[in-house]
N, C-alpha and C. Protein backbone atom coordinates (compact mmCIF):
# COMPACT_ATOMS: atom_id res chain seq x y z
N UNK A 1 -2.13 -19.29 -34.15
CA UNK A 1 -1.89 -17.96 -33.71
C UNK A 1 -3.08 -17.43 -32.89
N UNK A 2 -4.29 -17.84 -33.19
CA UNK A 2 -5.40 -17.44 -32.37
C UNK A 2 -5.26 -18.16 -30.99
N UNK A 3 -4.71 -19.27 -30.96
CA UNK A 3 -4.72 -20.02 -29.71
C UNK A 3 -3.78 -19.36 -28.77
N UNK A 4 -2.65 -18.73 -29.30
CA UNK A 4 -1.57 -18.12 -28.52
C UNK A 4 -2.30 -16.85 -27.86
N UNK A 5 -2.91 -16.06 -28.85
CA UNK A 5 -3.51 -14.90 -28.34
C UNK A 5 -4.63 -15.08 -27.24
N UNK A 6 -5.43 -16.22 -27.45
CA UNK A 6 -6.36 -16.52 -26.49
C UNK A 6 -5.63 -16.93 -25.15
N UNK A 7 -4.60 -17.72 -25.26
CA UNK A 7 -3.83 -18.05 -23.96
C UNK A 7 -3.21 -16.92 -23.34
N UNK A 8 -2.60 -15.94 -24.01
CA UNK A 8 -2.10 -14.71 -23.49
C UNK A 8 -3.13 -13.92 -22.87
N UNK A 9 -4.34 -13.86 -23.39
CA UNK A 9 -5.34 -12.93 -22.87
C UNK A 9 -5.79 -13.56 -21.59
N UNK A 10 -6.05 -14.92 -21.58
CA UNK A 10 -6.37 -15.66 -20.35
C UNK A 10 -5.42 -15.38 -19.18
N UNK A 11 -4.12 -15.35 -19.48
CA UNK A 11 -2.94 -15.19 -18.49
C UNK A 11 -3.04 -13.72 -17.97
N UNK A 12 -3.35 -12.81 -18.85
CA UNK A 12 -3.55 -11.44 -18.30
C UNK A 12 -4.69 -11.28 -17.53
N UNK A 13 -5.98 -11.90 -17.87
CA UNK A 13 -7.08 -11.88 -17.13
C UNK A 13 -6.88 -12.46 -15.73
N UNK A 14 -6.18 -13.55 -15.54
CA UNK A 14 -5.98 -14.18 -14.27
C UNK A 14 -5.04 -13.38 -13.44
N UNK A 15 -3.96 -12.75 -14.09
CA UNK A 15 -3.07 -11.94 -13.26
C UNK A 15 -3.88 -10.80 -12.58
N UNK A 16 -4.97 -10.41 -13.12
CA UNK A 16 -5.67 -9.31 -12.59
C UNK A 16 -6.37 -9.72 -11.16
N UNK A 17 -6.58 -11.08 -11.02
CA UNK A 17 -7.25 -11.51 -9.92
C UNK A 17 -6.30 -11.93 -8.80
N UNK A 18 -5.00 -12.06 -9.09
CA UNK A 18 -4.15 -12.51 -8.05
C UNK A 18 -3.77 -11.36 -7.09
N UNK A 19 -3.60 -11.73 -5.75
CA UNK A 19 -3.22 -10.65 -4.92
C UNK A 19 -1.84 -10.21 -5.07
N UNK A 20 -1.50 -9.04 -4.76
CA UNK A 20 -0.15 -8.56 -4.97
C UNK A 20 0.74 -9.13 -3.63
N UNK A 21 1.96 -9.45 -4.17
CA UNK A 21 2.81 -10.05 -3.10
C UNK A 21 3.18 -9.09 -2.19
N UNK A 22 3.46 -7.84 -2.69
CA UNK A 22 3.97 -6.80 -1.69
C UNK A 22 2.78 -6.23 -0.73
N UNK A 23 1.61 -6.61 -0.99
CA UNK A 23 0.61 -6.07 -0.20
C UNK A 23 0.24 -7.11 0.97
N UNK A 24 0.63 -6.61 2.09
CA UNK A 24 0.49 -7.50 3.34
C UNK A 24 -0.78 -7.05 4.03
N UNK A 25 -1.40 -7.89 4.86
CA UNK A 25 -2.49 -7.49 5.66
C UNK A 25 -2.22 -6.39 6.61
N UNK A 26 -3.19 -5.38 6.62
CA UNK A 26 -2.94 -4.24 7.49
C UNK A 26 -4.27 -4.08 8.30
N UNK A 27 -3.96 -3.95 9.64
CA UNK A 27 -4.98 -3.95 10.64
C UNK A 27 -4.91 -2.44 11.10
N UNK A 28 -6.16 -1.65 11.18
CA UNK A 28 -6.07 -0.44 11.89
C UNK A 28 -6.50 -0.46 13.34
N UNK A 29 -5.57 -0.08 14.15
CA UNK A 29 -5.72 -0.27 15.53
C UNK A 29 -6.34 1.04 16.25
N UNK A 30 -6.49 2.19 15.52
CA UNK A 30 -7.11 3.29 16.12
C UNK A 30 -6.13 4.56 16.13
N UNK A 31 -6.75 5.71 16.60
CA UNK A 31 -6.16 6.97 16.57
C UNK A 31 -5.12 7.05 17.83
N UNK A 32 -4.11 7.75 17.61
CA UNK A 32 -3.25 8.02 18.69
C UNK A 32 -3.70 9.15 19.70
N UNK A 33 -3.26 9.17 20.85
CA UNK A 33 -3.80 10.07 21.77
C UNK A 33 -3.75 11.56 21.39
N UNK A 34 -2.82 12.04 20.53
CA UNK A 34 -2.88 13.46 20.16
C UNK A 34 -3.83 13.69 19.07
N UNK A 35 -4.48 12.70 18.48
CA UNK A 35 -5.61 12.74 17.55
C UNK A 35 -5.13 12.96 16.14
N UNK A 36 -3.90 13.34 15.74
CA UNK A 36 -3.43 13.59 14.46
C UNK A 36 -3.07 12.30 13.69
N UNK A 37 -2.52 11.34 14.39
CA UNK A 37 -2.07 10.08 13.70
C UNK A 37 -2.72 8.82 14.18
N UNK A 38 -2.27 7.78 13.71
CA UNK A 38 -2.98 6.47 13.92
C UNK A 38 -1.91 5.31 14.12
N UNK A 39 -2.53 4.11 14.55
CA UNK A 39 -1.65 2.99 14.72
C UNK A 39 -2.20 1.93 13.89
N UNK A 40 -1.41 1.28 13.15
CA UNK A 40 -1.65 0.11 12.28
C UNK A 40 -0.74 -1.02 12.70
N UNK A 41 -1.11 -2.17 12.18
CA UNK A 41 -0.41 -3.37 12.34
C UNK A 41 -0.09 -4.07 11.16
N UNK A 42 1.05 -4.39 10.84
CA UNK A 42 1.49 -5.09 9.67
C UNK A 42 2.41 -6.24 9.94
N UNK A 43 1.79 -7.49 9.58
CA UNK A 43 2.62 -8.79 9.94
C UNK A 43 3.03 -8.70 11.39
N UNK A 44 2.17 -8.31 12.26
CA UNK A 44 2.49 -8.44 13.68
C UNK A 44 3.22 -7.39 14.33
N UNK A 45 3.59 -6.37 13.47
CA UNK A 45 4.42 -5.18 14.01
C UNK A 45 3.59 -4.00 13.94
N UNK A 46 3.66 -3.08 15.12
CA UNK A 46 2.82 -1.85 15.09
C UNK A 46 3.67 -0.72 14.55
N UNK A 47 2.96 0.24 13.90
CA UNK A 47 3.60 1.40 13.18
C UNK A 47 2.59 2.62 13.38
N UNK A 48 3.17 3.70 13.72
CA UNK A 48 2.54 4.96 13.90
C UNK A 48 2.50 5.60 12.54
N UNK A 49 1.28 6.14 12.16
CA UNK A 49 1.05 6.73 10.72
C UNK A 49 0.31 7.90 10.78
N UNK A 50 0.56 8.74 9.81
CA UNK A 50 -0.27 9.98 9.77
C UNK A 50 -0.65 10.29 8.31
N UNK A 51 -1.57 11.29 8.08
CA UNK A 51 -2.05 11.47 6.77
C UNK A 51 -0.96 11.75 5.93
N UNK A 52 -0.80 11.24 4.66
CA UNK A 52 0.28 11.41 3.87
C UNK A 52 1.17 10.19 3.74
N UNK A 53 1.04 9.22 4.69
CA UNK A 53 2.01 8.17 4.92
C UNK A 53 1.67 7.05 3.74
N UNK A 54 2.71 6.67 3.10
CA UNK A 54 2.56 5.60 2.10
C UNK A 54 2.66 4.14 2.71
N UNK A 55 1.67 3.37 2.54
CA UNK A 55 1.88 1.94 3.03
C UNK A 55 2.01 1.17 1.67
N UNK A 56 3.05 0.55 1.53
CA UNK A 56 3.37 -0.18 0.32
C UNK A 56 2.38 -1.05 -0.01
N UNK A 57 1.93 -1.28 -1.18
CA UNK A 57 1.06 -2.20 -1.72
C UNK A 57 -0.44 -1.80 -1.37
N UNK A 58 -0.71 -0.78 -0.61
CA UNK A 58 -1.96 -0.38 -0.19
C UNK A 58 -2.32 1.02 -0.73
N UNK A 59 -1.51 2.05 -0.49
CA UNK A 59 -1.76 3.33 -0.90
C UNK A 59 -1.36 4.35 0.08
N UNK A 60 -1.61 5.66 -0.10
CA UNK A 60 -1.34 6.72 0.71
C UNK A 60 -2.56 7.09 1.66
N UNK A 61 -2.24 7.35 2.85
CA UNK A 61 -3.33 7.58 4.03
C UNK A 61 -3.87 9.09 3.58
N UNK A 62 -5.20 8.91 3.34
CA UNK A 62 -5.90 10.24 3.21
C UNK A 62 -6.47 10.78 4.44
N UNK A 63 -7.00 9.83 5.25
CA UNK A 63 -7.65 10.22 6.32
C UNK A 63 -7.68 9.29 7.50
N UNK A 64 -7.58 9.74 8.67
CA UNK A 64 -7.58 8.78 9.95
C UNK A 64 -8.76 9.32 10.79
N UNK A 65 -9.71 8.29 10.90
CA UNK A 65 -10.92 8.70 11.75
C UNK A 65 -10.94 7.72 12.95
N UNK A 66 -11.89 7.80 13.79
CA UNK A 66 -11.96 6.96 14.87
C UNK A 66 -12.37 5.55 14.51
N UNK A 67 -13.22 5.42 13.35
CA UNK A 67 -13.72 4.26 12.91
C UNK A 67 -12.92 3.59 11.69
N UNK A 68 -12.32 4.44 10.93
CA UNK A 68 -11.66 3.92 9.67
C UNK A 68 -10.27 4.68 9.39
N UNK A 69 -9.58 3.82 8.61
CA UNK A 69 -8.28 4.49 8.10
C UNK A 69 -8.71 4.48 6.47
N UNK A 70 -8.45 5.60 5.93
CA UNK A 70 -8.90 5.80 4.58
C UNK A 70 -7.74 6.13 3.62
N UNK A 71 -7.49 5.24 2.54
CA UNK A 71 -6.31 5.36 1.70
C UNK A 71 -6.67 5.65 0.34
N UNK A 72 -5.76 6.27 -0.46
CA UNK A 72 -5.97 6.42 -1.85
C UNK A 72 -4.95 5.65 -2.51
N UNK A 73 -5.19 4.73 -3.45
CA UNK A 73 -4.26 3.83 -4.15
C UNK A 73 -4.47 4.38 -5.61
N UNK A 74 -3.33 5.03 -6.22
CA UNK A 74 -3.28 5.31 -7.60
C UNK A 74 -3.06 3.98 -8.42
N UNK A 75 -3.87 3.87 -9.45
CA UNK A 75 -3.63 2.64 -10.35
C UNK A 75 -2.53 2.91 -11.28
N UNK A 76 -1.87 1.87 -11.50
CA UNK A 76 -0.71 2.04 -12.59
C UNK A 76 -1.37 1.78 -13.93
N UNK A 77 -0.70 2.07 -14.93
CA UNK A 77 -1.27 1.70 -16.36
C UNK A 77 -1.48 0.29 -16.62
N UNK A 78 -0.70 -0.59 -15.85
CA UNK A 78 -0.98 -2.09 -16.05
C UNK A 78 -2.35 -2.35 -15.30
N UNK A 79 -2.46 -1.77 -14.08
CA UNK A 79 -3.71 -2.04 -13.49
C UNK A 79 -4.98 -1.50 -14.41
N UNK A 80 -4.78 -0.31 -14.93
CA UNK A 80 -5.83 0.18 -15.63
C UNK A 80 -6.15 -0.70 -16.99
N UNK A 81 -5.12 -1.21 -17.54
CA UNK A 81 -5.28 -2.04 -18.70
C UNK A 81 -5.91 -3.20 -18.38
N UNK A 82 -5.62 -3.87 -17.25
CA UNK A 82 -6.34 -5.06 -16.80
C UNK A 82 -7.73 -4.82 -16.62
N UNK A 83 -8.18 -3.74 -16.06
CA UNK A 83 -9.67 -3.46 -15.92
C UNK A 83 -10.18 -3.29 -17.33
N UNK A 84 -9.62 -2.53 -18.16
CA UNK A 84 -10.00 -2.44 -19.51
C UNK A 84 -10.39 -3.87 -20.16
N UNK A 85 -9.37 -4.61 -19.99
CA UNK A 85 -9.49 -6.04 -20.65
C UNK A 85 -10.71 -6.70 -19.96
N UNK A 86 -11.00 -6.53 -18.75
CA UNK A 86 -12.12 -7.34 -18.07
C UNK A 86 -13.33 -6.55 -18.37
N UNK A 87 -13.40 -5.53 -18.98
CA UNK A 87 -14.65 -4.79 -19.20
C UNK A 87 -15.08 -4.03 -18.07
N UNK A 88 -14.30 -3.80 -17.17
CA UNK A 88 -14.59 -3.05 -15.89
C UNK A 88 -14.49 -1.57 -16.12
N UNK A 89 -15.08 -0.81 -15.26
CA UNK A 89 -14.79 0.72 -15.24
C UNK A 89 -13.31 0.91 -14.89
N UNK A 90 -12.88 1.93 -15.66
CA UNK A 90 -11.43 2.30 -15.27
C UNK A 90 -11.26 3.49 -14.51
N UNK A 91 -10.57 3.61 -13.54
CA UNK A 91 -10.44 4.88 -12.67
C UNK A 91 -8.92 5.07 -12.39
N UNK A 92 -8.67 6.27 -11.97
CA UNK A 92 -7.22 6.61 -11.56
C UNK A 92 -6.92 6.36 -10.24
N UNK A 93 -7.86 6.62 -9.26
CA UNK A 93 -7.57 6.28 -7.82
C UNK A 93 -8.65 5.49 -7.29
N UNK A 94 -8.16 4.47 -6.52
CA UNK A 94 -9.17 3.52 -5.70
C UNK A 94 -9.15 4.08 -4.39
N UNK A 95 -10.26 4.35 -3.69
CA UNK A 95 -10.31 4.58 -2.28
C UNK A 95 -10.51 3.31 -1.48
N UNK A 96 -9.60 3.09 -0.43
CA UNK A 96 -9.72 1.97 0.30
C UNK A 96 -10.05 2.32 1.82
N UNK A 97 -10.97 1.70 2.43
CA UNK A 97 -11.34 2.07 3.79
C UNK A 97 -11.18 0.75 4.64
N UNK A 98 -10.25 0.91 5.61
CA UNK A 98 -10.00 -0.10 6.51
C UNK A 98 -10.70 0.11 7.82
N UNK A 99 -11.65 -0.69 8.22
CA UNK A 99 -12.33 -0.40 9.48
C UNK A 99 -11.38 -0.76 10.77
N UNK A 100 -11.70 0.01 11.86
CA UNK A 100 -10.94 -0.22 13.02
C UNK A 100 -11.11 -1.68 13.40
N UNK A 101 -10.09 -2.19 13.94
CA UNK A 101 -10.00 -3.77 14.05
C UNK A 101 -10.92 -4.17 15.11
N UNK A 102 -11.52 -3.37 15.89
CA UNK A 102 -12.64 -3.79 16.84
C UNK A 102 -14.06 -3.82 16.14
N UNK A 103 -14.12 -3.31 14.99
CA UNK A 103 -15.50 -3.17 14.30
C UNK A 103 -15.67 -4.51 13.63
N UNK A 104 -16.83 -5.18 13.97
CA UNK A 104 -17.23 -6.36 13.20
C UNK A 104 -18.40 -6.39 12.36
N UNK A 105 -18.54 -7.03 11.37
CA UNK A 105 -19.69 -7.09 10.59
C UNK A 105 -20.58 -8.14 11.14
N UNK A 106 -21.79 -7.59 11.38
CA UNK A 106 -22.88 -8.75 11.92
C UNK A 106 -23.95 -8.84 11.04
N UNK A 107 -24.05 -10.11 10.54
CA UNK A 107 -25.09 -10.31 9.52
C UNK A 107 -26.62 -10.17 10.13
N UNK A 108 -27.43 -9.54 9.31
CA UNK A 108 -28.85 -9.45 9.73
C UNK A 108 -29.70 -10.29 8.94
N UNK A 109 -30.93 -10.39 9.33
CA UNK A 109 -31.78 -11.13 8.57
C UNK A 109 -32.55 -10.37 7.57
């Protein structure tokens, strides 16, 4: 019985680290000319978005800036339980910042 519980616990732990199938790579291409919306690319297709737009698997757009697309992702009870199991801090909303696709991280010494 202990072996089954341990195996089940390990499975739940590993599922917490697997990427979501519905979450595809999103690239932020910048603000639109009018200044209110932005342009993103998902799987090679461009989409116009605005604040409040839901991006499946990522969250809802909170803010569009010149340098970042900021999203809020509400965690499900399953996600919260996985965090509890891992001993991590449990929160209700995760803020995700996607940098403009021309911004590159340059390592410094």
